[in-house]
Amino acid sequence: MQDTLASLKVERRTTTLRELALEKMRSAIFDARFLPGDRLVERALCEELGVSRTVVREVLRHLETEGLVELLPNQGPIVAVLDFSTASEIYEIRGLLESEAAAACAQFADAATIADLQTRIDEIQQAFYAQDHRAVRALTTAFYERMFTAGHKHVAWEIVQSLTARINRLRALTIASDDRGDQAVQEMQRILAAIRAADIDAARGAALAHVNRVAEIAEKLLASGLVPVLLKHAS
């Protein structure tokens, strides 16, 4: 039995072409190279990405599962349109999961966890100052991953990961708004201060306040009709 299991082991040494193309397409949507409602033509994507039509179709199907692409009857795939009805559900889920993760982190966090979270916040602040919004998105995801895992909320983090593409698309929009960098850093510092003080209720409240604030910003931006302009600025 041991020999059989050994023979089935797959050794993975490099990132696949499909994964590289997927990351390129995901980034292109986040960075507004493709705007909400834009048609995604397979032949053009094959040329731009330098991959086969089979790979492009697999990538588009994956992006559809992430909520970044929609398949319209008789039209084909388009970049999914941002609407606040969907966004509000995402923020609702974020509020529930992140507030409980912050509370759990306040209960279990040790000095190393607190130091790691502070480092992430400092890096996020630097990325905002440098207007490196890709780095802001990646570092913010890293901050929350640390907070969830430190609070032993592993299943909750898996749920968040399933929404990461949509969360980062909304994040690309909100971080481009005026003064959001300073606001976001201050809000995250409040979360960390409560975690550092082992104040479970304060951590829960600070995390929820942070999500509610960003939801308010997203609602205003989506209602303004300026999403394409703001997304271009976010790139």
C-alpha atoms as a PDB file:
ATOM      1  CA  MET A   1       0.000   0.000   0.000  1.00  0.00           C
ATOM      2  CA  GLN A   2       2.825   2.390   0.866  1.00  0.00           C
ATOM      3  CA  ASP A   3       4.445   1.811  -2.539  1.00  0.00           C
ATOM      4  CA  THR A   4       1.137   2.487  -4.281  1.00  0.00           C
ATOM      5  CA  LEU A   5       0.654   5.757  -2.436  1.00  0.00           C
ATOM      6  CA  ALA A   6       4.197   6.820  -3.224  1.00  0.00           C
ATOM      7  CA  SER A   7       3.676   6.185  -6.920  1.00  0.00           C
ATOM      8  CA  LEU A   8       0.620   8.475  -6.940  1.00  0.00           C
ATOM      9  CA  LYS A   9       2.439  11.426  -5.455  1.00  0.00           C
ATOM     10  CA  VAL A  10       2.512  14.452  -7.744  1.00  0.00           C
ATOM     11  CA  GLU A  11       5.575  16.643  -7.488  1.00  0.00           C
ATOM     12  CA  ARG A  12       4.805  20.242  -8.311  1.00  0.00           C
ATOM     13  CA  ARG A  13       7.830  22.324  -9.172  1.00  0.00           C
ATOM     14  CA  THR A  14       6.570  25.280 -11.159  1.00  0.00           C
ATOM     15  CA  THR A  15       3.499  27.456 -11.542  1.00  0.00           C
ATOM     16  CA  THR A  16       1.350  26.285 -14.430  1.00  0.00           C
ATOM     17  CA  LEU A  17       0.622  28.381 -17.499  1.00  0.00           C
ATOM     18  CA  ARG A  18      -3.042  28.414 -16.522  1.00  0.00           C
ATOM     19  CA  GLU A  19      -2.228  29.811 -13.069  1.00  0.00           C
ATOM     20  CA  LEU A  20      -0.002  32.507 -14.538  1.00  0.00           C
ATOM     21  CA  ALA A  21      -2.702  33.521 -17.017  1.00  0.00           C
ATOM     22  CA  LEU A  22      -5.309  33.515 -14.258  1.00  0.00           C
ATOM     23  CA  GLU A  23      -3.225  35.831 -12.086  1.00  0.00           C
ATOM     24  CA  LYS A  24      -2.613  38.162 -15.041  1.00  0.00           C
ATOM     25  CA  MET A  25      -6.327  38.369 -15.806  1.00  0.00           C
ATOM     26  CA  ARG A  26      -7.275  38.833 -12.170  1.00  0.00           C
ATOM     27  CA  SER A  27      -4.773  41.675 -11.814  1.00  0.00           C
ATOM     28  CA  ALA A  28      -5.965  43.255 -15.065  1.00  0.00           C
ATOM     29  CA  ILE A  29      -9.489  43.428 -13.657  1.00  0.00           C
ATOM     30  CA  PHE A  30      -8.342  44.765 -10.269  1.00  0.00           C
ATOM     31  CA  ASP A  31      -6.129  47.360 -11.984  1.00  0.00           C
ATOM     32  CA  ALA A  32      -8.917  48.435 -14.357  1.00  0.00           C
ATOM     33  CA  ARG A  33      -7.271  47.367 -17.578  1.00  0.00           C
ATOM     34  CA  PHE A  34     -10.648  45.722 -18.071  1.00  0.00           C
ATOM     35  CA  LEU A  35     -13.556  47.764 -16.717  1.00  0.00           C
ATOM     36  CA  PRO A  36     -16.978  46.571 -15.487  1.00  0.00           C
ATOM     37  CA  GLY A  37     -19.075  45.523 -18.466  1.00  0.00           C
ATOM     38  CA  ASP A  38     -16.151  45.144 -20.888  1.00  0.00           C
ATOM     39  CA  ARG A  39     -16.449  42.187 -23.253  1.00  0.00           C
ATOM     40  CA  LEU A  40     -13.731  39.563 -22.964  1.00  0.00           C
ATOM     41  CA  VAL A  41     -13.002  38.249 -26.446  1.00  0.00           C
ATOM     42  CA  GLU A  42     -11.211  34.913 -26.440  1.00  0.00           C
ATOM     43  CA  ARG A  43      -9.117  35.519 -29.559  1.00  0.00           C
ATOM     44  CA  ALA A  44      -7.853  38.866 -28.265  1.00  0.00           C
ATOM     45  CA  LEU A  45      -7.049  37.388 -24.866  1.00  0.00           C
ATOM     46  CA  CYS A  46      -5.124  34.534 -26.495  1.00  0.00           C
ATOM     47  CA  GLU A  47      -2.934  37.087 -28.259  1.00  0.00           C
ATOM     48  CA  GLU A  48      -2.465  39.324 -25.226  1.00  0.00           C
ATOM     49  CA  LEU A  49      -1.672  36.491 -22.832  1.00  0.00           C
ATOM     50  CA  GLY A  50       0.221  34.338 -25.323  1.00  0.00           C
ATOM     51  CA  VAL A  51      -1.724  31.198 -24.424  1.00  0.00           C
ATOM     52  CA  SER A  52      -4.108  28.815 -26.146  1.00  0.00           C
ATOM     53  CA  ARG A  53      -7.858  29.239 -26.355  1.00  0.00           C
ATOM     54  CA  THR A  54      -8.241  26.247 -24.043  1.00  0.00           C
ATOM     55  CA  VAL A  55      -6.283  28.037 -21.325  1.00  0.00           C
ATOM     56  CA  VAL A  56      -8.256  31.249 -21.835  1.00  0.00           C
ATOM     57  CA  ARG A  57     -11.544  29.390 -21.512  1.00  0.00           C
ATOM     58  CA  GLU A  58     -10.381  27.687 -18.307  1.00  0.00           C
ATOM     59  CA  VAL A  59      -9.283  31.035 -16.880  1.00  0.00           C
ATOM     60  CA  LEU A  60     -12.582  32.702 -17.748  1.00  0.00           C
ATOM     61  CA  ARG A  61     -14.526  29.868 -16.153  1.00  0.00           C
ATOM     62  CA  HIS A  62     -12.451  30.222 -12.987  1.00  0.00           C
ATOM     63  CA  LEU A  63     -12.958  33.994 -12.902  1.00  0.00           C
ATOM     64  CA  GLU A  64     -16.671  33.384 -13.265  1.00  0.00           C
ATOM     65  CA  THR A  65     -16.639  31.233 -10.116  1.00  0.00           C
ATOM     66  CA  GLU A  66     -14.832  34.085  -8.328  1.00  0.00           C
ATOM     67  CA  GLY A  67     -17.523  36.562  -9.356  1.00  0.00           C
ATOM     68  CA  LEU A  68     -15.169  38.637 -11.520  1.00  0.00           C
ATOM     69  CA  VAL A  69     -16.635  37.544 -14.860  1.00  0.00           C
ATOM     70  CA  GLU A  70     -20.234  37.126 -16.013  1.00  0.00           C
ATOM     71  CA  LEU A  71     -21.408  35.015 -18.940  1.00  0.00           C
ATOM     72  CA  LEU A  72     -24.205  36.769 -20.820  1.00  0.00           C
ATOM     73  CA  PRO A  73     -26.505  34.841 -23.192  1.00  0.00           C
ATOM     74  CA  ASN A  74     -25.664  35.528 -26.847  1.00  0.00           C
ATOM     75  CA  GLN A  75     -22.877  37.917 -25.837  1.00  0.00           C
ATOM     76  CA  GLY A  76     -20.259  35.822 -24.115  1.00  0.00           C
ATOM     77  CA  PRO A  77     -18.132  36.709 -21.099  1.00  0.00           C
ATOM     78  CA  ILE A  78     -17.872  40.237 -19.712  1.00  0.00           C
ATOM     79  CA  VAL A  79     -16.197  41.756 -16.681  1.00  0.00           C
ATOM     80  CA  ALA A  80     -18.777  41.530 -13.908  1.00  0.00           C
ATOM     81  CA  VAL A  81     -20.548  44.781 -13.138  1.00  0.00           C
ATOM     82  CA  LEU A  82     -20.119  46.134  -9.616  1.00  0.00           C
ATOM     83  CA  ASP A  83     -23.391  46.682  -7.783  1.00  0.00           C
ATOM     84  CA  PHE A  84     -24.004  47.537  -4.157  1.00  0.00           C
ATOM     85  CA  SER A  85     -26.575  44.794  -3.636  1.00  0.00           C
ATOM     86  CA  THR A  86     -23.832  42.210  -4.071  1.00  0.00           C
ATOM     87  CA  ALA A  87     -21.238  44.366  -2.338  1.00  0.00           C
ATOM     88  CA  SER A  88     -23.445  44.839   0.721  1.00  0.00           C
ATOM     89  CA  GLU A  89     -23.706  41.064   1.154  1.00  0.00           C
ATOM     90  CA  ILE A  90     -19.933  40.755   0.983  1.00  0.00           C
ATOM     91  CA  TYR A  91     -19.492  43.477   3.594  1.00  0.00           C
ATOM     92  CA  GLU A  92     -22.111  41.836   5.778  1.00  0.00           C
ATOM     93  CA  ILE A  93     -20.205  38.556   5.675  1.00  0.00           C
ATOM     94  CA  ARG A  94     -16.933  40.387   6.290  1.00  0.00           C
ATOM     95  CA  GLY A  95     -18.421  42.168   9.297  1.00  0.00           C
ATOM     96  CA  LEU A  96     -19.602  38.928  10.862  1.00  0.00           C
ATOM     97  CA  LEU A  97     -16.385  36.975  10.274  1.00  0.00           C
ATOM     98  CA  GLU A  98     -13.812  39.713  10.845  1.00  0.00           C
ATOM     99  CA  SER A  99     -15.401  40.947  14.073  1.00  0.00           C
ATOM    100  CA  GLU A 100     -15.373  37.456  15.549  1.00  0.00           C
ATOM    101  CA  ALA A 101     -11.842  36.826  14.296  1.00  0.00           C
ATOM    102  CA  ALA A 102     -10.655  40.049  15.934  1.00  0.00           C
ATOM    103  CA  ALA A 103     -12.356  39.064  19.187  1.00  0.00           C
ATOM    104  CA  ALA A 104     -10.732  35.626  19.092  1.00  0.00           C
ATOM    105  CA  CYS A 105      -7.365  37.136  18.248  1.00  0.00           C
ATOM    106  CA  ALA A 106      -7.675  39.435  21.281  1.00  0.00           C
ATOM    107  CA  GLN A 107      -8.221  36.337  23.378  1.00  0.00           C
ATOM    108  CA  PHE A 108      -5.321  34.252  22.032  1.00  0.00           C
ATOM    109  CA  ALA A 109      -2.745  36.645  20.542  1.00  0.00           C
ATOM    110  CA  ASP A 110       0.788  36.506  21.891  1.00  0.00           C
ATOM    111  CA  ALA A 111       3.575  39.077  21.569  1.00  0.00           C
ATOM    112  CA  ALA A 112       4.758  37.622  18.260  1.00  0.00           C
ATOM    113  CA  THR A 113       1.292  37.878  16.737  1.00  0.00           C
ATOM    114  CA  ILE A 114       0.920  41.479  17.851  1.00  0.00           C
ATOM    115  CA  ALA A 115       4.335  42.328  16.416  1.00  0.00           C
ATOM    116  CA  ASP A 116       3.426  40.675  13.104  1.00  0.00           C
ATOM    117  CA  LEU A 117       0.149  42.591  12.882  1.00  0.00           C
ATOM    118  CA  GLN A 118       1.908  45.877  13.636  1.00  0.00           C
ATOM    119  CA  THR A 119       4.451  45.148  10.920  1.00  0.00           C
ATOM    120  CA  ARG A 120       1.673  44.531   8.402  1.00  0.00           C
ATOM    121  CA  ILE A 121      -0.008  47.835   9.324  1.00  0.00           C
ATOM    122  CA  ASP A 122       3.282  49.709   8.972  1.00  0.00           C
ATOM    123  CA  GLU A 123       3.826  48.133   5.553  1.00  0.00           C
ATOM    124  CA  ILE A 124       0.272  48.996   4.498  1.00  0.00           C
ATOM    125  CA  GLN A 125       0.866  52.614   5.493  1.00  0.00           C
ATOM    126  CA  GLN A 126       4.094  52.724   3.464  1.00  0.00           C
ATOM    127  CA  ALA A 127       2.322  51.193   0.464  1.00  0.00           C
ATOM    128  CA  PHE A 128      -0.411  53.829   0.676  1.00  0.00           C
ATOM    129  CA  TYR A 129       2.202  56.601   0.754  1.00  0.00           C
ATOM    130  CA  ALA A 130       3.897  55.055  -2.282  1.00  0.00           C
ATOM    131  CA  GLN A 131       0.470  54.736  -3.978  1.00  0.00           C
ATOM    132  CA  ASP A 132       1.233  51.065  -4.536  1.00  0.00           C
ATOM    133  CA  HIS A 133      -2.329  49.837  -4.376  1.00  0.00           C
ATOM    134  CA  ARG A 134      -1.453  46.295  -5.414  1.00  0.00           C
ATOM    135  CA  ALA A 135       0.789  46.070  -2.370  1.00  0.00           C
ATOM    136  CA  VAL A 136      -1.969  47.546  -0.188  1.00  0.00           C
ATOM    137  CA  ARG A 137      -4.328  44.780  -1.281  1.00  0.00           C
ATOM    138  CA  ALA A 138      -1.788  42.007  -0.737  1.00  0.00           C
ATOM    139  CA  LEU A 139      -0.634  43.307   2.641  1.00  0.00           C
ATOM    140  CA  THR A 140      -4.183  43.841   3.859  1.00  0.00           C
ATOM    141  CA  THR A 141      -5.001  40.251   2.992  1.00  0.00           C
ATOM    142  CA  ALA A 142      -1.874  39.172   4.907  1.00  0.00           C
ATOM    143  CA  PHE A 143      -2.967  41.203   7.951  1.00  0.00           C
ATOM    144  CA  TYR A 144      -6.334  39.493   8.080  1.00  0.00           C
ATOM    145  CA  GLU A 145      -4.879  36.046   7.492  1.00  0.00           C
ATOM    146  CA  ARG A 146      -2.633  36.543  10.515  1.00  0.00           C
ATOM    147  CA  MET A 147      -5.526  37.798  12.622  1.00  0.00           C
ATOM    148  CA  PHE A 148      -7.809  34.895  11.683  1.00  0.00           C
ATOM    149  CA  THR A 149      -5.188  32.187  12.163  1.00  0.00           C
ATOM    150  CA  ALA A 150      -3.982  33.665  15.455  1.00  0.00           C
ATOM    151  CA  GLY A 151      -7.575  33.512  16.677  1.00  0.00           C
ATOM    152  CA  HIS A 152      -7.843  29.881  15.509  1.00  0.00           C
ATOM    153  CA  LYS A 153     -10.566  30.835  13.014  1.00  0.00           C
ATOM    154  CA  HIS A 154      -9.267  28.582  10.245  1.00  0.00           C
ATOM    155  CA  VAL A 155     -12.604  27.592   8.700  1.00  0.00           C
ATOM    156  CA  ALA A 156     -13.750  31.213   8.795  1.00  0.00           C
ATOM    157  CA  TRP A 157     -10.574  32.192   6.950  1.00  0.00           C
ATOM    158  CA  GLU A 158     -11.322  29.582   4.285  1.00  0.00           C
ATOM    159  CA  ILE A 159     -14.693  31.261   3.759  1.00  0.00           C
ATOM    160  CA  VAL A 160     -13.024  34.662   3.467  1.00  0.00           C
ATOM    161  CA  GLN A 161     -10.561  33.230   0.958  1.00  0.00           C
ATOM    162  CA  SER A 162     -13.445  32.088  -1.229  1.00  0.00           C
ATOM    163  CA  LEU A 163     -14.464  35.755  -1.442  1.00  0.00           C
ATOM    164  CA  THR A 164     -10.964  37.206  -1.748  1.00  0.00           C
ATOM    165  CA  ALA A 165     -11.284  38.096  -5.425  1.00  0.00           C
ATOM    166  CA  ARG A 166     -14.498  40.062  -4.858  1.00  0.00           C
ATOM    167  CA  ILE A 167     -13.158  41.621  -1.667  1.00  0.00           C
ATOM    168  CA  ASN A 168     -10.009  42.797  -3.434  1.00  0.00           C
ATOM    169  CA  ARG A 169     -12.002  44.188  -6.336  1.00  0.00           C
ATOM    170  CA  LEU A 170     -14.031  46.309  -3.930  1.00  0.00           C
ATOM    171  CA  ARG A 171     -10.848  47.157  -2.044  1.00  0.00           C
ATOM    172  CA  ALA A 172      -9.303  48.421  -5.294  1.00  0.00           C
ATOM    173  CA  LEU A 173     -12.213  50.843  -5.507  1.00  0.00           C
ATOM    174  CA  THR A 174     -12.282  52.090  -1.921  1.00  0.00           C
ATOM    175  CA  ILE A 175      -8.537  52.512  -1.384  1.00  0.00           C
ATOM    176  CA  ALA A 176      -8.467  55.000  -4.262  1.00  0.00           C
ATOM    177  CA  SER A 177     -10.895  57.318  -2.492  1.00  0.00           C
ATOM    178  CA  ASP A 178      -9.618  60.527  -0.896  1.00  0.00           C
ATOM    179  CA  ASP A 179      -7.689  60.134   2.368  1.00  0.00           C
ATOM    180  CA  ARG A 180      -8.597  56.448   2.596  1.00  0.00           C
ATOM    181  CA  GLY A 181      -5.003  55.526   3.376  1.00  0.00           C
ATOM    182  CA  ASP A 182      -4.875  57.492   6.636  1.00  0.00           C
ATOM    183  CA  GLN A 183      -8.395  56.395   7.602  1.00  0.00           C
ATOM    184  CA  ALA A 184      -7.752  52.717   6.934  1.00  0.00           C
ATOM    185  CA  VAL A 185      -4.495  52.692   8.888  1.00  0.00           C
ATOM    186  CA  GLN A 186      -6.135  54.433  11.857  1.00  0.00           C
ATOM    187  CA  GLU A 187      -9.008  51.944  11.831  1.00  0.00           C
ATOM    188  CA  MET A 188      -6.625  48.993  11.722  1.00  0.00           C
ATOM    189  CA  GLN A 189      -4.559  50.497  14.530  1.00  0.00           C
ATOM    190  CA  ARG A 190      -7.731  50.602  16.663  1.00  0.00           C
ATOM    191  CA  ILE A 191      -8.311  46.910  15.989  1.00  0.00           C
ATOM    192  CA  LEU A 192      -4.727  46.131  16.951  1.00  0.00           C
ATOM    193  CA  ALA A 193      -4.873  48.308  20.082  1.00  0.00           C
ATOM    194  CA  ALA A 194      -7.857  46.292  21.309  1.00  0.00           C
ATOM    195  CA  ILE A 195      -6.087  43.014  20.484  1.00  0.00           C
ATOM    196  CA  ARG A 196      -2.978  44.219  22.310  1.00  0.00           C
ATOM    197  CA  ALA A 197      -5.107  45.083  25.354  1.00  0.00           C
ATOM    198  CA  ALA A 198      -6.817  41.658  25.170  1.00  0.00           C
ATOM    199  CA  ASP A 199     -10.118  43.548  25.065  1.00  0.00           C
ATOM    200  CA  ILE A 200     -12.391  41.114  23.268  1.00  0.00           C
ATOM    201  CA  ASP A 201     -15.434  43.402  23.011  1.00  0.00           C
ATOM    202  CA  ALA A 202     -13.376  46.372  21.841  1.00  0.00           C
ATOM    203  CA  ALA A 203     -11.643  44.265  19.189  1.00  0.00           C
ATOM    204  CA  ARG A 204     -14.970  42.994  17.916  1.00  0.00           C
ATOM    205  CA  GLY A 205     -16.378  46.530  17.799  1.00  0.00           C
ATOM    206  CA  ALA A 206     -13.328  48.039  16.103  1.00  0.00           C
ATOM    207  CA  ALA A 207     -13.309  45.383  13.388  1.00  0.00           C
ATOM    208  CA  LEU A 208     -17.022  45.835  12.728  1.00  0.00           C
ATOM    209  CA  ALA A 209     -16.654  49.632  12.637  1.00  0.00           C
ATOM    210  CA  HIS A 210     -13.879  49.265  10.060  1.00  0.00           C
ATOM    211  CA  VAL A 211     -16.029  47.114   7.773  1.00  0.00           C
ATOM    212  CA  ASN A 212     -19.060  49.383   8.198  1.00  0.00           C
ATOM    213  CA  ARG A 213     -16.977  52.411   7.275  1.00  0.00           C
ATOM    214  CA  VAL A 214     -15.588  50.871   4.102  1.00  0.00           C
ATOM    215  CA  ALA A 215     -19.104  49.685   3.176  1.00  0.00           C
ATOM    216  CA  GLU A 216     -20.335  53.278   3.434  1.00  0.00           C
ATOM    217  CA  ILE A 217     -17.531  54.444   1.154  1.00  0.00           C
ATOM    218  CA  ALA A 218     -18.270  51.726  -1.393  1.00  0.00           C
ATOM    219  CA  GLU A 219     -21.972  52.544  -1.414  1.00  0.00           C
ATOM    220  CA  LYS A 220     -21.292  56.213  -2.145  1.00  0.00           C
ATOM    221  CA  LEU A 221     -18.771  55.426  -4.862  1.00  0.00           C
ATOM    222  CA  LEU A 222     -20.988  52.868  -6.580  1.00  0.00           C
ATOM    223  CA  ALA A 223     -23.907  55.303  -6.477  1.00  0.00           C
ATOM    224  CA  SER A 224     -21.789  58.135  -7.913  1.00  0.00           C
ATOM    225  CA  GLY A 225     -21.270  56.548 -11.308  1.00  0.00           C
ATOM    226  CA  LEU A 226     -17.532  57.275 -11.087  1.00  0.00           C
ATOM    227  CA  VAL A 227     -16.407  53.678 -10.645  1.00  0.00           C
ATOM    228  CA  PRO A 228     -14.436  53.472 -13.941  1.00  0.00           C
ATOM    229  CA  VAL A 229     -12.538  56.693 -13.139  1.00  0.00           C
ATOM    230  CA  LEU A 230     -11.776  55.600  -9.584  1.00  0.00           C
ATOM    231  CA  LEU A 231     -10.672  52.150 -10.657  1.00  0.00           C
ATOM    232  CA  LYS A 232      -8.306  53.687 -13.199  1.00  0.00           C
ATOM    233  CA  HIS A 233      -6.904  55.857 -10.419  1.00  0.00           C
ATOM    234  CA  ALA A 234      -6.529  52.778  -8.220  1.00  0.00           C
ATOM    235  CA  SER A 235      -4.213  51.157 -10.748  1.00  0.00           C
END
